[in-house]
Amino acid sequence: SGTKEEGEMVAHIWNLIEPHMTENGKKE
């Protein structure tokens, strides 16, 4: 799956949250 790289778990979790971010959230 290519998920053994460091930071992949972090990236997957942020991908789940990103669609719900406000403009302020996206900037932050």
PDB file of all heavy atoms in Angstrom:
ATOM      1  N   SER A   1       0.799  -1.229   0.000  1.00  0.00           N
ATOM      2  CA  SER A   1       0.000   0.000   0.000  1.00  0.00           C
ATOM      3  C   SER A   1       0.830   1.277   0.000  1.00  0.00           C
ATOM      4  O   SER A   1       0.308   2.361  -0.240  1.00  0.00           O
ATOM      5  CB  SER A   1      -0.933   0.014   1.214  1.00  0.00           C
ATOM      6  OG  SER A   1      -0.173   0.045   2.417  1.00  0.00           O
ATOM      7  N   GLY A   2       2.121   1.161   0.302  1.00  0.00           N
ATOM      8  CA  GLY A   2       2.978   2.344   0.331  1.00  0.00           C
ATOM      9  C   GLY A   2       2.774   3.210   1.554  1.00  0.00           C
ATOM     10  O   GLY A   2       3.070   4.406   1.535  1.00  0.00           O
ATOM     11  N   THR A   3       2.241   2.604   2.641  1.00  0.00           N
ATOM     12  CA  THR A   3       1.949   3.390   3.849  1.00  0.00           C
ATOM     13  C   THR A   3       3.015   3.223   4.931  1.00  0.00           C
ATOM     14  O   THR A   3       2.800   3.597   6.075  1.00  0.00           O
ATOM     15  CB  THR A   3       0.580   2.988   4.427  1.00  0.00           C
ATOM     16  OG1 THR A   3       0.577   1.577   4.707  1.00  0.00           O
ATOM     17  CG2 THR A   3      -0.540   3.316   3.468  1.00  0.00           C
ATOM     18  N   LYS A   4       4.159   2.646   4.583  1.00  0.00           N
ATOM     19  CA  LYS A   4       5.200   2.434   5.589  1.00  0.00           C
ATOM     20  C   LYS A   4       6.110   3.637   5.761  1.00  0.00           C
ATOM     21  O   LYS A   4       6.940   3.669   6.668  1.00  0.00           O
ATOM     22  CB  LYS A   4       6.029   1.196   5.228  1.00  0.00           C
ATOM     23  CG  LYS A   4       5.248  -0.106   5.366  1.00  0.00           C
ATOM     24  CD  LYS A   4       6.153  -1.321   5.233  1.00  0.00           C
ATOM     25  CE  LYS A   4       5.368  -2.599   5.484  1.00  0.00           C
ATOM     26  NZ  LYS A   4       6.217  -3.807   5.445  1.00  0.00           N
ATOM     27  N   GLU A   5       5.957   4.626   4.883  1.00  0.00           N
ATOM     28  CA  GLU A   5       6.787   5.826   4.991  1.00  0.00           C
ATOM     29  C   GLU A   5       6.421   6.605   6.253  1.00  0.00           C
ATOM     30  O   GLU A   5       5.248   6.672   6.637  1.00  0.00           O
ATOM     31  CB  GLU A   5       6.598   6.716   3.765  1.00  0.00           C
ATOM     32  CG  GLU A   5       7.101   6.119   2.463  1.00  0.00           C
ATOM     33  CD  GLU A   5       8.611   5.981   2.432  1.00  0.00           C
ATOM     34  OE1 GLU A   5       9.288   6.865   3.007  1.00  0.00           O
ATOM     35  OE2 GLU A   5       9.104   4.996   1.865  1.00  0.00           O
ATOM     36  N   GLU A   6       7.426   7.195   6.881  1.00  0.00           N
ATOM     37  CA  GLU A   6       7.170   8.018   8.061  1.00  0.00           C
ATOM     38  C   GLU A   6       6.270   9.188   7.697  1.00  0.00           C
ATOM     39  O   GLU A   6       6.461   9.846   6.679  1.00  0.00           O
ATOM     40  CB  GLU A   6       8.498   8.534   8.624  1.00  0.00           C
ATOM     41  CG  GLU A   6       8.351   9.312   9.918  1.00  0.00           C
ATOM     42  CD  GLU A   6       9.688   9.731  10.498  1.00  0.00           C
ATOM     43  OE1 GLU A   6      10.730   9.319   9.958  1.00  0.00           O
ATOM     44  OE2 GLU A   6       9.682  10.473  11.493  1.00  0.00           O
ATOM     45  N   GLY A   7       5.270   9.429   8.513  1.00  0.00           N
ATOM     46  CA  GLY A   7       4.344  10.537   8.280  1.00  0.00           C
ATOM     47  C   GLY A   7       3.083  10.142   7.554  1.00  0.00           C
ATOM     48  O   GLY A   7       2.158  10.958   7.423  1.00  0.00           O
ATOM     49  N   GLU A   8       3.002   8.888   7.082  1.00  0.00           N
ATOM     50  CA  GLU A   8       1.824   8.464   6.321  1.00  0.00           C
ATOM     51  C   GLU A   8       0.572   8.419   7.182  1.00  0.00           C
ATOM     52  O   GLU A   8      -0.515   8.801   6.727  1.00  0.00           O
ATOM     53  CB  GLU A   8       2.068   7.092   5.680  1.00  0.00           C
ATOM     54  CG  GLU A   8       2.791   7.152   4.357  1.00  0.00           C
ATOM     55  CD  GLU A   8       1.990   7.902   3.299  1.00  0.00           C
ATOM     56  OE1 GLU A   8       0.802   7.582   3.098  1.00  0.00           O
ATOM     57  OE2 GLU A   8       2.552   8.816   2.686  1.00  0.00           O
ATOM     58  N   MET A   9       0.675   7.928   8.414  1.00  0.00           N
ATOM     59  CA  MET A   9      -0.507   7.898   9.281  1.00  0.00           C
ATOM     60  C   MET A   9      -0.996   9.321   9.541  1.00  0.00           C
ATOM     61  O   MET A   9      -2.212   9.590   9.489  1.00  0.00           O
ATOM     62  CB  MET A   9      -0.186   7.209  10.607  1.00  0.00           C
ATOM     63  CG  MET A   9      -1.416   7.019  11.498  1.00  0.00           C
ATOM     64  SD  MET A   9      -1.041   6.454  13.182  1.00  0.00           S
ATOM     65  CE  MET A   9      -0.558   8.014  13.951  1.00  0.00           C
ATOM     66  N   VAL A  10      -0.070  10.218   9.803  1.00  0.00           N
ATOM     67  CA  VAL A  10      -0.413  11.615  10.048  1.00  0.00           C
ATOM     68  C   VAL A  10      -1.122  12.210   8.832  1.00  0.00           C
ATOM     69  O   VAL A  10      -2.161  12.876   8.962  1.00  0.00           O
ATOM     70  CB  VAL A  10       0.849  12.437  10.377  1.00  0.00           C
ATOM     71  CG1 VAL A  10       0.503  13.908  10.585  1.00  0.00           C
ATOM     72  CG2 VAL A  10       1.533  11.873  11.625  1.00  0.00           C
ATOM     73  N   ALA A  11      -0.594  11.937   7.654  1.00  0.00           N
ATOM     74  CA  ALA A  11      -1.180  12.470   6.421  1.00  0.00           C
ATOM     75  C   ALA A  11      -2.588  11.921   6.182  1.00  0.00           C
ATOM     76  O   ALA A  11      -3.496  12.658   5.774  1.00  0.00           O
ATOM     77  CB  ALA A  11      -0.286  12.128   5.236  1.00  0.00           C
ATOM     78  N   HIS A  12      -2.779  10.634   6.450  1.00  0.00           N
ATOM     79  CA  HIS A  12      -4.102  10.024   6.260  1.00  0.00           C
ATOM     80  C   HIS A  12      -5.143  10.672   7.182  1.00  0.00           C
ATOM     81  O   HIS A  12      -6.291  10.905   6.765  1.00  0.00           O
ATOM     82  CB  HIS A  12      -4.036   8.517   6.524  1.00  0.00           C
ATOM     83  CG  HIS A  12      -3.637   7.708   5.335  1.00  0.00           C
ATOM     84  ND1 HIS A  12      -2.365   7.742   4.805  1.00  0.00           N
ATOM     85  CD2 HIS A  12      -4.342   6.838   4.567  1.00  0.00           C
ATOM     86  CE1 HIS A  12      -2.303   6.928   3.763  1.00  0.00           C
ATOM     87  NE2 HIS A  12      -3.483   6.372   3.600  1.00  0.00           N
ATOM     88  N   ILE A  13      -4.754  10.948   8.402  1.00  0.00           N
ATOM     89  CA  ILE A  13      -5.697  11.548   9.355  1.00  0.00           C
ATOM     90  C   ILE A  13      -6.039  12.976   8.956  1.00  0.00           C
ATOM     91  O   ILE A  13      -7.217  13.378   8.983  1.00  0.00           O
ATOM     92  CB  ILE A  13      -5.121  11.489  10.788  1.00  0.00           C
ATOM     93  CG1 ILE A  13      -5.077  10.030  11.255  1.00  0.00           C
ATOM     94  CG2 ILE A  13      -5.970  12.332  11.742  1.00  0.00           C
ATOM     95  CD1 ILE A  13      -4.366   9.808  12.577  1.00  0.00           C
ATOM     96  N   TRP A  14      -5.036  13.741   8.539  1.00  0.00           N
ATOM     97  CA  TRP A  14      -5.320  15.105   8.089  1.00  0.00           C
ATOM     98  C   TRP A  14      -6.202  15.101   6.841  1.00  0.00           C
ATOM     99  O   TRP A  14      -7.036  15.994   6.661  1.00  0.00           O
ATOM    100  CB  TRP A  14      -4.028  15.870   7.833  1.00  0.00           C
ATOM    101  CG  TRP A  14      -3.406  16.459   9.061  1.00  0.00           C
ATOM    102  CD1 TRP A  14      -2.174  16.180   9.580  1.00  0.00           C
ATOM    103  CD2 TRP A  14      -3.976  17.440   9.928  1.00  0.00           C
ATOM    104  NE1 TRP A  14      -1.944  16.916  10.715  1.00  0.00           N
ATOM    105  CE2 TRP A  14      -3.040  17.703  10.955  1.00  0.00           C
ATOM    106  CE3 TRP A  14      -5.201  18.121   9.946  1.00  0.00           C
ATOM    107  CZ2 TRP A  14      -3.279  18.627  11.978  1.00  0.00           C
ATOM    108  CZ3 TRP A  14      -5.444  19.036  10.980  1.00  0.00           C
ATOM    109  CH2 TRP A  14      -4.498  19.277  11.966  1.00  0.00           C
ATOM    110  N   ASN A  15      -6.031  14.093   5.988  1.00  0.00           N
ATOM    111  CA  ASN A  15      -6.881  13.995   4.791  1.00  0.00           C
ATOM    112  C   ASN A  15      -8.351  13.819   5.159  1.00  0.00           C
ATOM    113  O   ASN A  15      -9.249  14.264   4.436  1.00  0.00           O
ATOM    114  CB  ASN A  15      -6.439  12.817   3.917  1.00  0.00           C
ATOM    115  CG  ASN A  15      -5.203  13.133   3.102  1.00  0.00           C
ATOM    116  OD1 ASN A  15      -4.799  14.287   2.987  1.00  0.00           O
ATOM    117  ND2 ASN A  15      -4.572  12.112   2.540  1.00  0.00           N
ATOM    118  N   LEU A  16      -8.601  13.148   6.276  1.00  0.00           N
ATOM    119  CA  LEU A  16      -9.977  12.967   6.739  1.00  0.00           C
ATOM    120  C   LEU A  16     -10.572  14.275   7.249  1.00  0.00           C
ATOM    121  O   LEU A  16     -11.776  14.530   7.096  1.00  0.00           O
ATOM    122  CB  LEU A  16     -10.024  11.916   7.860  1.00  0.00           C
ATOM    123  CG  LEU A  16      -9.703  10.468   7.490  1.00  0.00           C
ATOM    124  CD1 LEU A  16      -9.641   9.607   8.751  1.00  0.00           C
ATOM    125  CD2 LEU A  16     -10.757   9.907   6.536  1.00  0.00           C
ATOM    126  N   ILE A  17      -9.731  15.107   7.847  1.00  0.00           N
ATOM    127  CA  ILE A  17     -10.203  16.356   8.445  1.00  0.00           C
ATOM    128  C   ILE A  17     -10.293  17.484   7.421  1.00  0.00           C
ATOM    129  O   ILE A  17     -11.157  18.372   7.516  1.00  0.00           O
ATOM    130  CB  ILE A  17      -9.275  16.767   9.612  1.00  0.00           C
ATOM    131  CG1 ILE A  17      -9.314  15.701  10.719  1.00  0.00           C
ATOM    132  CG2 ILE A  17      -9.660  18.134  10.178  1.00  0.00           C
ATOM    133  CD1 ILE A  17      -8.308  15.933  11.832  1.00  0.00           C
ATOM    134  N   GLU A  18      -9.429  17.457   6.439  1.00  0.00           N
ATOM    135  CA  GLU A  18      -9.292  18.576   5.489  1.00  0.00           C
ATOM    136  C   GLU A  18     -10.606  19.022   4.840  1.00  0.00           C
ATOM    137  O   GLU A  18     -10.849  20.236   4.725  1.00  0.00           O
ATOM    138  CB  GLU A  18      -8.265  18.221   4.408  1.00  0.00           C
ATOM    139  CG  GLU A  18      -7.810  19.413   3.599  1.00  0.00           C
ATOM    140  CD  GLU A  18      -6.576  19.103   2.778  1.00  0.00           C
ATOM    141  OE1 GLU A  18      -6.162  17.920   2.733  1.00  0.00           O
ATOM    142  OE2 GLU A  18      -6.038  20.044   2.177  1.00  0.00           O
ATOM    143  N   PRO A  19     -11.484  18.115   4.406  1.00  0.00           N
ATOM    144  CA  PRO A  19     -12.741  18.575   3.786  1.00  0.00           C
ATOM    145  C   PRO A  19     -13.636  19.398   4.720  1.00  0.00           C
ATOM    146  O   PRO A  19     -14.530  20.104   4.248  1.00  0.00           O
ATOM    147  CB  PRO A  19     -13.443  17.265   3.396  1.00  0.00           C
ATOM    148  CG  PRO A  19     -12.363  16.258   3.296  1.00  0.00           C
ATOM    149  CD  PRO A  19     -11.375  16.649   4.359  1.00  0.00           C
ATOM    150  N   HIS A  20     -13.391  19.319   6.005  1.00  0.00           N
ATOM    151  CA  HIS A  20     -14.222  20.017   6.992  1.00  0.00           C
ATOM    152  C   HIS A  20     -13.590  21.322   7.460  1.00  0.00           C
ATOM    153  O   HIS A  20     -14.189  22.034   8.265  1.00  0.00           O
ATOM    154  CB  HIS A  20     -14.471  19.113   8.202  1.00  0.00           C
ATOM    155  CG  HIS A  20     -15.056  17.788   7.854  1.00  0.00           C
ATOM    156  ND1 HIS A  20     -16.405  17.612   7.589  1.00  0.00           N
ATOM    157  CD2 HIS A  20     -14.483  16.567   7.700  1.00  0.00           C
ATOM    158  CE1 HIS A  20     -16.635  16.335   7.309  1.00  0.00           C
ATOM    159  NE2 HIS A  20     -15.484  15.687   7.360  1.00  0.00           N
ATOM    160  N   MET A  21     -12.426  21.666   6.922  1.00  0.00           N
ATOM    161  CA  MET A  21     -11.727  22.863   7.385  1.00  0.00           C
ATOM    162  C   MET A  21     -12.386  24.131   6.848  1.00  0.00           C
ATOM    163  O   MET A  21     -12.827  24.188   5.692  1.00  0.00           O
ATOM    164  CB  MET A  21     -10.265  22.836   6.915  1.00  0.00           C
ATOM    165  CG  MET A  21      -9.415  21.781   7.575  1.00  0.00           C
ATOM    166  SD  MET A  21      -7.705  21.858   6.939  1.00  0.00           S
ATOM    167  CE  MET A  21      -6.997  20.390   7.694  1.00  0.00           C
ATOM    168  N   THR A  22     -12.413  25.141   7.694  1.00  0.00           N
ATOM    169  CA  THR A  22     -12.818  26.476   7.256  1.00  0.00           C
ATOM    170  C   THR A  22     -11.641  27.107   6.500  1.00  0.00           C
ATOM    171  O   THR A  22     -10.538  26.540   6.455  1.00  0.00           O
ATOM    172  CB  THR A  22     -13.152  27.355   8.476  1.00  0.00           C
ATOM    173  OG1 THR A  22     -11.968  27.462   9.305  1.00  0.00           O
ATOM    174  CG2 THR A  22     -14.281  26.739   9.298  1.00  0.00           C
ATOM    175  N   GLU A  23     -11.859  28.281   5.947  1.00  0.00           N
ATOM    176  CA  GLU A  23     -10.751  28.983   5.295  1.00  0.00           C
ATOM    177  C   GLU A  23      -9.642  29.263   6.302  1.00  0.00           C
ATOM    178  O   GLU A  23      -8.451  29.143   5.991  1.00  0.00           O
ATOM    179  CB  GLU A  23     -11.244  30.294   4.669  1.00  0.00           C
ATOM    180  CG  GLU A  23     -12.085  30.101   3.417  1.00  0.00           C
ATOM    181  CD  GLU A  23     -11.347  29.302   2.350  1.00  0.00           C
ATOM    182  OE1 GLU A  23     -10.159  29.621   2.091  1.00  0.00           O
ATOM    183  OE2 GLU A  23     -11.940  28.372   1.780  1.00  0.00           O
ATOM    184  N   ASN A  24     -10.042  29.630   7.502  1.00  0.00           N
ATOM    185  CA  ASN A  24      -9.071  29.865   8.579  1.00  0.00           C
ATOM    186  C   ASN A  24      -8.325  28.569   8.902  1.00  0.00           C
ATOM    187  O   ASN A  24      -7.111  28.576   9.127  1.00  0.00           O
ATOM    188  CB  ASN A  24      -9.804  30.389   9.814  1.00  0.00           C
ATOM    189  CG  ASN A  24      -8.842  30.785  10.926  1.00  0.00           C
ATOM    190  OD1 ASN A  24      -7.849  31.459  10.684  1.00  0.00           O
ATOM    191  ND2 ASN A  24      -9.141  30.357  12.151  1.00  0.00           N
ATOM    192  N   GLY A  25      -9.067  27.464   8.911  1.00  0.00           N
ATOM    193  CA  GLY A  25      -8.466  26.163   9.196  1.00  0.00           C
ATOM    194  C   GLY A  25      -7.463  25.756   8.132  1.00  0.00           C
ATOM    195  O   GLY A  25      -6.394  25.212   8.449  1.00  0.00           O
ATOM    196  N   LYS A  26      -7.792  26.030   6.863  1.00  0.00           N
ATOM    197  CA  LYS A  26      -6.888  25.676   5.771  1.00  0.00           C
ATOM    198  C   LYS A  26      -5.583  26.469   5.867  1.00  0.00           C
ATOM    199  O   LYS A  26      -4.496  25.924   5.643  1.00  0.00           O
ATOM    200  CB  LYS A  26      -7.558  25.945   4.425  1.00  0.00           C
ATOM    201  CG  LYS A  26      -8.713  25.003   4.119  1.00  0.00           C
ATOM    202  CD  LYS A  26      -9.437  25.393   2.838  1.00  0.00           C
ATOM    203  CE  LYS A  26     -10.631  24.481   2.582  1.00  0.00           C
ATOM    204  NZ  LYS A  26     -11.409  24.910   1.384  1.00  0.00           N
ATOM    205  N   LYS A  27      -5.709  27.751   6.212  1.00  0.00           N
ATOM    206  CA  LYS A  27      -4.510  28.582   6.363  1.00  0.00           C
ATOM    207  C   LYS A  27      -3.648  28.079   7.527  1.00  0.00           C
ATOM    208  O   LYS A  27      -2.428  28.011   7.423  1.00  0.00           O
ATOM    209  CB  LYS A  27      -4.908  30.033   6.606  1.00  0.00           C
ATOM    210  CG  LYS A  27      -5.537  30.720   5.395  1.00  0.00           C
ATOM    211  CD  LYS A  27      -5.966  32.132   5.744  1.00  0.00           C
ATOM    212  CE  LYS A  27      -6.668  32.798   4.553  1.00  0.00           C
ATOM    213  NZ  LYS A  27      -7.155  34.163   4.897  1.00  0.00           N
ATOM    214  N   GLU A  28      -4.316  27.717   8.637  1.00  0.00           N
ATOM    215  CA  GLU A  28      -3.573  27.247   9.804  1.00  0.00           C
ATOM    216  C   GLU A  28      -2.933  25.883   9.532  1.00  0.00           C
ATOM    217  O   GLU A  28      -1.808  25.628   9.951  1.00  0.00           O
ATOM    218  CB  GLU A  28      -4.504  27.160  11.022  1.00  0.00           C
ATOM    219  CG  GLU A  28      -3.858  26.599  12.278  1.00  0.00           C
ATOM    220  CD  GLU A  28      -2.613  27.354  12.721  1.00  0.00           C
ATOM    221  OE1 GLU A  28      -2.379  28.489  12.268  1.00  0.00           O
ATOM    222  OE2 GLU A  28      -1.843  26.784  13.529  1.00  0.00           O
TER     223      GLU A  28
END
